[in-house]
């Protein structure tokens, strides 16, 4: 059974940085494309944040985080191929949300920004940015 686990959330002040981590386990031999989504308080749906291809060669960001957030992965290490990071800099109060990591076994570019483009989801980690 595939498991997706996020970590690294917390309470920070506006302008601070935070790094989220996400690991996928349970199915050897598959390198997943990975994405981050977030759900803000009072919002019914999750919002796309960032995507990275299985190779790490391509990344894609929501306009709201472009230039402030960086998604990355370290495929050079076999035991870390399905671990991704979301470096969040210059955080704003509007970044407050539960952040979810998602994994996709096959992810064409047309699906990167949509929840149904991913196969497995984590439970989420809370990020709170105070003003």
N, C-alpha and C. Protein backbone atom coordinates (compact mmCIF):
# COMPACT_ATOMS: atom_id res chain seq x y z
N UNK A 1 0.85 -1.19 0.00
CA UNK A 1 0.00 0.00 0.00
C UNK A 1 0.88 1.24 0.00
N UNK A 2 0.56 2.16 -0.86
CA UNK A 2 1.35 3.38 -0.98
C UNK A 2 0.94 4.36 0.12
N UNK A 3 1.94 4.95 0.75
CA UNK A 3 1.70 5.96 1.79
C UNK A 3 2.43 7.24 1.43
N UNK A 4 1.75 8.34 1.66
CA UNK A 4 2.33 9.67 1.44
C UNK A 4 2.31 10.39 2.78
N UNK A 5 3.46 10.88 3.20
CA UNK A 5 3.56 11.51 4.52
C UNK A 5 4.24 12.86 4.38
N UNK A 6 3.57 13.90 4.85
CA UNK A 6 4.14 15.25 4.85
C UNK A 6 4.67 15.59 6.24
N UNK A 7 5.61 16.52 6.27
CA UNK A 7 6.12 17.03 7.54
C UNK A 7 6.66 18.43 7.33
N UNK A 8 6.85 19.15 8.43
CA UNK A 8 7.51 20.44 8.35
C UNK A 8 6.63 21.65 8.54
N UNK A 9 5.33 21.44 8.72
CA UNK A 9 4.45 22.59 8.92
C UNK A 9 4.70 23.23 10.27
N UNK A 10 4.07 24.40 10.47
CA UNK A 10 4.22 25.08 11.74
C UNK A 10 3.66 26.48 11.70
N UNK A 11 3.95 27.23 12.77
CA UNK A 11 3.51 28.62 12.90
C UNK A 11 4.71 29.54 12.71
N UNK A 12 4.61 30.44 11.74
CA UNK A 12 5.69 31.39 11.49
C UNK A 12 5.11 32.78 11.31
N UNK A 13 5.99 33.77 11.25
CA UNK A 13 5.55 35.15 11.02
C UNK A 13 5.68 35.50 9.55
N UNK A 14 4.94 36.49 9.14
CA UNK A 14 5.03 36.97 7.76
C UNK A 14 6.48 37.34 7.43
N UNK A 15 6.91 36.90 6.25
CA UNK A 15 8.28 37.14 5.82
C UNK A 15 9.24 36.01 6.13
N UNK A 16 8.83 35.11 7.00
CA UNK A 16 9.68 33.98 7.36
C UNK A 16 9.67 32.92 6.27
N UNK A 17 10.51 31.91 6.48
CA UNK A 17 10.61 30.77 5.56
C UNK A 17 10.25 29.48 6.30
N UNK A 18 9.85 28.50 5.51
CA UNK A 18 9.50 27.18 6.05
C UNK A 18 9.75 26.17 4.95
N UNK A 19 10.19 24.97 5.31
CA UNK A 19 10.39 23.93 4.32
C UNK A 19 9.56 22.72 4.68
N UNK A 20 8.72 22.30 3.74
CA UNK A 20 7.93 21.11 3.89
C UNK A 20 8.62 19.94 3.20
N UNK A 21 8.44 18.76 3.77
CA UNK A 21 8.96 17.54 3.17
C UNK A 21 7.82 16.56 2.93
N UNK A 22 8.01 15.70 1.95
CA UNK A 22 7.00 14.70 1.63
C UNK A 22 7.70 13.44 1.15
N UNK A 23 7.32 12.31 1.70
CA UNK A 23 7.90 11.03 1.29
C UNK A 23 6.81 10.06 0.90
N UNK A 24 7.07 9.30 -0.16
CA UNK A 24 6.16 8.26 -0.63
C UNK A 24 6.83 6.92 -0.41
N UNK A 25 6.10 5.99 0.17
CA UNK A 25 6.66 4.67 0.41
C UNK A 25 5.62 3.61 0.08
N UNK A 26 6.11 2.38 -0.04
CA UNK A 26 5.20 1.26 -0.18
C UNK A 26 5.16 0.60 -1.53
N UNK A 27 5.78 1.18 -2.53
CA UNK A 27 5.76 0.58 -3.87
C UNK A 27 7.12 0.81 -4.50
N UNK A 28 7.97 -0.18 -4.42
CA UNK A 28 9.33 -0.01 -4.92
C UNK A 28 9.35 -0.02 -6.44
N UNK A 29 10.35 0.61 -7.02
CA UNK A 29 10.53 0.60 -8.46
C UNK A 29 9.79 1.67 -9.21
N UNK A 30 8.99 2.47 -8.53
CA UNK A 30 8.24 3.53 -9.18
C UNK A 30 8.73 4.88 -8.68
N UNK A 31 9.06 5.76 -9.60
CA UNK A 31 9.39 7.13 -9.24
C UNK A 31 8.21 8.00 -9.64
N UNK A 32 7.64 8.69 -8.68
CA UNK A 32 6.39 9.41 -8.89
C UNK A 32 6.63 10.87 -9.26
N UNK A 33 5.77 11.40 -10.08
CA UNK A 33 5.64 12.85 -10.18
C UNK A 33 4.92 13.31 -8.92
N UNK A 34 5.27 14.49 -8.43
CA UNK A 34 4.74 14.93 -7.13
C UNK A 34 4.18 16.33 -7.22
N UNK A 35 3.18 16.57 -6.41
CA UNK A 35 2.59 17.90 -6.37
C UNK A 35 2.25 18.32 -4.96
N UNK A 36 2.12 19.62 -4.77
CA UNK A 36 1.65 20.19 -3.51
C UNK A 36 0.37 20.97 -3.79
N UNK A 37 -0.58 20.78 -2.92
CA UNK A 37 -1.83 21.54 -2.94
C UNK A 37 -2.03 22.12 -1.54
N UNK A 38 -2.94 23.07 -1.42
CA UNK A 38 -3.26 23.62 -0.10
C UNK A 38 -4.75 23.95 -0.01
N UNK A 39 -5.24 23.89 1.20
CA UNK A 39 -6.64 24.24 1.45
C UNK A 39 -6.68 25.26 2.57
N UNK A 40 -7.08 26.45 2.21
CA UNK A 40 -7.13 27.56 3.16
C UNK A 40 -8.37 27.46 4.04
N UNK A 41 -8.35 28.09 5.20
CA UNK A 41 -9.51 28.06 6.09
C UNK A 41 -10.76 28.60 5.40
N UNK A 42 -11.85 27.88 5.53
CA UNK A 42 -13.10 28.32 4.94
C UNK A 42 -13.26 28.03 3.47
N UNK A 43 -12.23 27.50 2.84
CA UNK A 43 -12.31 27.18 1.41
C UNK A 43 -12.71 25.73 1.23
N UNK A 44 -13.59 25.50 0.27
CA UNK A 44 -14.14 24.17 0.08
C UNK A 44 -13.19 23.25 -0.67
N UNK A 45 -12.33 23.84 -1.49
CA UNK A 45 -11.50 23.01 -2.35
C UNK A 45 -10.02 23.30 -2.14
N UNK A 46 -9.23 22.34 -2.50
CA UNK A 46 -7.79 22.50 -2.46
C UNK A 46 -7.31 23.26 -3.68
N UNK A 47 -6.26 24.03 -3.46
CA UNK A 47 -5.69 24.87 -4.51
C UNK A 47 -4.32 24.32 -4.89
N UNK A 48 -4.05 24.25 -6.18
CA UNK A 48 -2.75 23.79 -6.65
C UNK A 48 -1.66 24.77 -6.23
N UNK A 49 -0.50 24.23 -5.83
CA UNK A 49 0.63 25.06 -5.44
C UNK A 49 1.83 24.84 -6.36
N UNK A 50 2.27 23.57 -6.48
CA UNK A 50 3.48 23.31 -7.26
C UNK A 50 3.51 21.85 -7.69
N UNK A 51 4.28 21.60 -8.75
CA UNK A 51 4.42 20.25 -9.30
C UNK A 51 5.86 20.04 -9.73
N UNK A 52 6.35 18.82 -9.59
CA UNK A 52 7.66 18.45 -10.11
C UNK A 52 7.54 17.12 -10.80
N UNK A 53 8.15 17.00 -11.97
CA UNK A 53 8.08 15.75 -12.71
C UNK A 53 8.92 14.68 -12.04
N UNK A 54 8.74 13.44 -12.47
CA UNK A 54 9.45 12.34 -11.82
C UNK A 54 10.97 12.50 -11.95
N UNK A 55 11.41 13.09 -13.06
CA UNK A 55 12.85 13.26 -13.27
C UNK A 55 13.40 14.47 -12.53
N UNK A 56 12.52 15.38 -12.13
CA UNK A 56 12.98 16.63 -11.53
C UNK A 56 13.36 17.68 -12.54
N UNK A 57 13.22 17.37 -13.83
CA UNK A 57 13.65 18.31 -14.87
C UNK A 57 12.68 19.47 -15.06
N UNK A 58 11.44 19.26 -14.69
CA UNK A 58 10.43 20.30 -14.91
C UNK A 58 9.65 20.58 -13.64
N UNK A 59 9.39 21.85 -13.42
CA UNK A 59 8.56 22.27 -12.30
C UNK A 59 7.49 23.24 -12.79
N UNK A 60 6.45 23.38 -12.01
CA UNK A 60 5.32 24.19 -12.42
C UNK A 60 4.71 24.76 -11.14
N UNK A 61 4.39 26.08 -11.16
CA UNK A 61 3.91 26.75 -9.96
C UNK A 61 2.63 27.53 -10.22
N UNK A 62 1.84 27.65 -9.18
CA UNK A 62 0.71 28.58 -9.23
C UNK A 62 1.26 30.00 -9.23
N UNK A 63 0.56 30.89 -9.88
CA UNK A 63 1.02 32.28 -9.96
C UNK A 63 1.17 32.90 -8.57
N UNK A 64 0.34 32.47 -7.64
CA UNK A 64 0.34 33.07 -6.31
C UNK A 64 1.61 32.77 -5.51
N UNK A 65 2.35 31.74 -5.91
CA UNK A 65 3.56 31.37 -5.17
C UNK A 65 4.82 31.46 -6.00
N UNK A 66 4.68 31.76 -7.28
CA UNK A 66 5.83 31.80 -8.17
C UNK A 66 6.83 32.85 -7.69
N UNK A 67 8.09 32.46 -7.61
CA UNK A 67 9.13 33.36 -7.14
C UNK A 67 9.35 33.31 -5.65
N UNK A 68 8.42 32.70 -4.91
CA UNK A 68 8.56 32.59 -3.46
C UNK A 68 8.73 31.14 -3.00
N UNK A 69 8.10 30.22 -3.69
CA UNK A 69 8.16 28.80 -3.34
C UNK A 69 9.02 28.06 -4.35
N UNK A 70 9.71 27.02 -3.87
CA UNK A 70 10.53 26.18 -4.74
C UNK A 70 10.29 24.71 -4.40
N UNK A 71 9.90 23.94 -5.40
CA UNK A 71 9.74 22.51 -5.22
C UNK A 71 10.99 21.82 -5.75
N UNK A 72 11.44 20.79 -5.05
CA UNK A 72 12.67 20.11 -5.48
C UNK A 72 12.63 18.66 -5.04
N UNK A 73 13.54 17.87 -5.62
CA UNK A 73 13.69 16.47 -5.24
C UNK A 73 15.12 16.07 -5.47
N UNK A 74 15.56 15.00 -4.83
CA UNK A 74 16.95 14.55 -4.95
C UNK A 74 16.95 13.15 -5.51
N UNK A 75 16.90 13.02 -6.83
CA UNK A 75 16.88 11.72 -7.47
C UNK A 75 18.25 11.05 -7.51
N UNK A 76 19.26 11.77 -7.09
CA UNK A 76 20.61 11.20 -7.13
C UNK A 76 20.77 10.11 -6.08
N UNK A 77 19.94 10.19 -5.05
CA UNK A 77 20.02 9.18 -4.00
C UNK A 77 18.86 8.21 -4.15
N UNK A 78 19.16 6.93 -4.35
CA UNK A 78 18.12 5.95 -4.60
C UNK A 78 17.07 5.92 -3.50
N UNK A 79 17.52 6.08 -2.27
CA UNK A 79 16.56 5.97 -1.17
C UNK A 79 15.80 7.27 -0.93
N UNK A 80 15.99 8.27 -1.79
CA UNK A 80 15.28 9.54 -1.62
C UNK A 80 14.55 9.96 -2.87
N UNK A 81 14.42 9.04 -3.83
CA UNK A 81 13.83 9.43 -5.11
C UNK A 81 12.39 9.88 -4.97
N UNK A 82 11.67 9.36 -4.04
CA UNK A 82 10.27 9.76 -3.86
C UNK A 82 10.11 10.65 -2.64
N UNK A 83 11.09 11.50 -2.43
CA UNK A 83 11.01 12.53 -1.40
C UNK A 83 11.11 13.88 -2.09
N UNK A 84 10.17 14.74 -1.80
CA UNK A 84 10.20 16.07 -2.39
C UNK A 84 10.11 17.11 -1.27
N UNK A 85 10.53 18.31 -1.63
CA UNK A 85 10.55 19.40 -0.67
C UNK A 85 9.83 20.61 -1.27
N UNK A 86 9.24 21.38 -0.39
CA UNK A 86 8.66 22.65 -0.79
C UNK A 86 9.26 23.73 0.10
N UNK A 87 10.20 24.48 -0.47
CA UNK A 87 10.81 25.59 0.24
C UNK A 87 9.91 26.81 0.06
N UNK A 88 9.44 27.35 1.17
CA UNK A 88 8.51 28.48 1.12
C UNK A 88 9.18 29.70 1.76
N UNK A 89 9.44 30.69 0.96
CA UNK A 89 10.09 31.92 1.43
C UNK A 89 9.11 33.08 1.34
N UNK A 90 9.44 34.15 2.05
CA UNK A 90 8.61 35.36 2.05
C UNK A 90 7.14 35.02 2.28
N UNK A 91 6.90 34.25 3.30
CA UNK A 91 5.54 33.79 3.56
C UNK A 91 4.62 34.95 3.91
N UNK A 92 3.37 34.80 3.49
CA UNK A 92 2.35 35.81 3.73
C UNK A 92 1.20 35.18 4.52
N UNK A 93 0.42 36.00 5.22
CA UNK A 93 -0.72 35.43 5.95
C UNK A 93 -1.66 34.64 5.04
N UNK A 94 -1.79 35.06 3.80
CA UNK A 94 -2.68 34.34 2.87
C UNK A 94 -2.14 32.98 2.45
N UNK A 95 -0.91 32.66 2.86
CA UNK A 95 -0.39 31.31 2.62
C UNK A 95 -0.85 30.32 3.68
N UNK A 96 -1.52 30.82 4.70
CA UNK A 96 -2.03 29.95 5.76
C UNK A 96 -3.00 28.93 5.18
N UNK A 97 -2.71 27.66 5.44
CA UNK A 97 -3.53 26.57 4.88
C UNK A 97 -3.01 25.24 5.39
N UNK A 98 -3.78 24.21 5.12
CA UNK A 98 -3.27 22.85 5.26
C UNK A 98 -2.65 22.48 3.92
N UNK A 99 -1.41 22.06 3.96
CA UNK A 99 -0.68 21.73 2.73
C UNK A 99 -0.66 20.21 2.55
N UNK A 100 -1.05 19.79 1.37
CA UNK A 100 -1.14 18.38 1.03
C UNK A 100 -0.13 18.03 -0.06
N UNK A 101 0.51 16.89 0.11
CA UNK A 101 1.39 16.35 -0.90
C UNK A 101 0.67 15.24 -1.65
N UNK A 102 0.92 15.15 -2.95
CA UNK A 102 0.26 14.14 -3.76
C UNK A 102 1.26 13.52 -4.73
N UNK A 103 1.03 12.26 -5.07
CA UNK A 103 1.93 11.53 -5.96
C UNK A 103 1.15 10.96 -7.14
N UNK A 104 1.79 10.97 -8.29
CA UNK A 104 1.17 10.46 -9.50
C UNK A 104 2.12 9.50 -10.20
N UNK A 105 1.60 8.31 -10.53
CA UNK A 105 2.43 7.34 -11.24
C UNK A 105 2.62 7.77 -12.70
N UNK A 106 1.60 8.37 -13.26
CA UNK A 106 1.69 8.91 -14.60
C UNK A 106 1.00 10.26 -14.60
N UNK A 107 1.70 11.29 -15.06
CA UNK A 107 1.17 12.64 -14.92
C UNK A 107 1.47 13.48 -16.15
N UNK A 108 0.57 13.50 -17.12
CA UNK A 108 0.79 14.37 -18.29
C UNK A 108 0.68 15.84 -17.89
N UNK A 109 1.32 16.71 -18.62
CA UNK A 109 1.32 18.13 -18.25
C UNK A 109 -0.07 18.73 -18.08
N UNK A 110 -1.03 18.23 -18.81
CA UNK A 110 -2.38 18.78 -18.71
C UNK A 110 -3.03 18.49 -17.36
N UNK A 111 -2.47 17.59 -16.59
CA UNK A 111 -3.08 17.22 -15.31
C UNK A 111 -2.36 17.79 -14.11
N UNK A 112 -1.25 18.47 -14.30
CA UNK A 112 -0.41 18.87 -13.17
C UNK A 112 -1.14 19.74 -12.17
N UNK A 113 -2.03 20.56 -12.61
CA UNK A 113 -2.67 21.53 -11.72
C UNK A 113 -3.99 21.08 -11.12
N UNK A 114 -4.34 19.83 -11.31
CA UNK A 114 -5.67 19.35 -10.90
C UNK A 114 -5.56 18.17 -9.95
N UNK A 115 -6.47 18.15 -8.97
CA UNK A 115 -6.44 17.09 -7.98
C UNK A 115 -6.57 15.71 -8.60
N UNK A 116 -7.38 15.59 -9.64
CA UNK A 116 -7.60 14.26 -10.23
C UNK A 116 -6.42 13.81 -11.07
N UNK A 117 -5.37 14.60 -11.14
CA UNK A 117 -4.15 14.18 -11.82
C UNK A 117 -3.21 13.39 -10.94
N UNK A 118 -3.60 13.14 -9.70
CA UNK A 118 -2.74 12.46 -8.73
C UNK A 118 -3.44 11.23 -8.16
N UNK A 119 -2.62 10.23 -7.83
CA UNK A 119 -3.16 8.95 -7.39
C UNK A 119 -3.19 8.78 -5.87
N UNK A 120 -2.23 9.37 -5.19
CA UNK A 120 -2.08 9.15 -3.75
C UNK A 120 -1.90 10.48 -3.04
N UNK A 121 -2.49 10.57 -1.85
CA UNK A 121 -2.48 11.82 -1.09
C UNK A 121 -2.05 11.60 0.34
N UNK A 122 -1.38 12.60 0.89
CA UNK A 122 -1.06 12.59 2.30
C UNK A 122 -2.19 13.18 3.12
N UNK A 123 -1.98 13.20 4.43
CA UNK A 123 -3.00 13.69 5.36
C UNK A 123 -2.94 15.20 5.54
N UNK A 124 -1.86 15.81 5.12
CA UNK A 124 -1.75 17.26 5.21
C UNK A 124 -0.95 17.71 6.42
N UNK A 125 -0.35 18.89 6.29
CA UNK A 125 0.38 19.51 7.39
C UNK A 125 -0.02 20.99 7.44
N UNK A 126 -0.25 21.48 8.65
CA UNK A 126 -0.76 22.84 8.83
C UNK A 126 0.38 23.85 8.75
N UNK A 127 0.16 24.89 7.96
CA UNK A 127 1.07 26.02 7.91
C UNK A 127 0.26 27.26 8.28
N UNK A 128 0.72 27.96 9.30
CA UNK A 128 0.04 29.18 9.75
C UNK A 128 1.03 30.33 9.73
N UNK A 129 0.66 31.40 9.03
CA UNK A 129 1.53 32.57 8.92
C UNK A 129 0.82 33.73 9.59
N UNK A 130 1.43 34.25 10.64
CA UNK A 130 0.83 35.38 11.36
C UNK A 130 1.36 36.69 10.81
N UNK A 131 0.53 37.71 10.91
CA UNK A 131 0.91 39.03 10.37
C UNK A 131 1.64 39.86 11.39
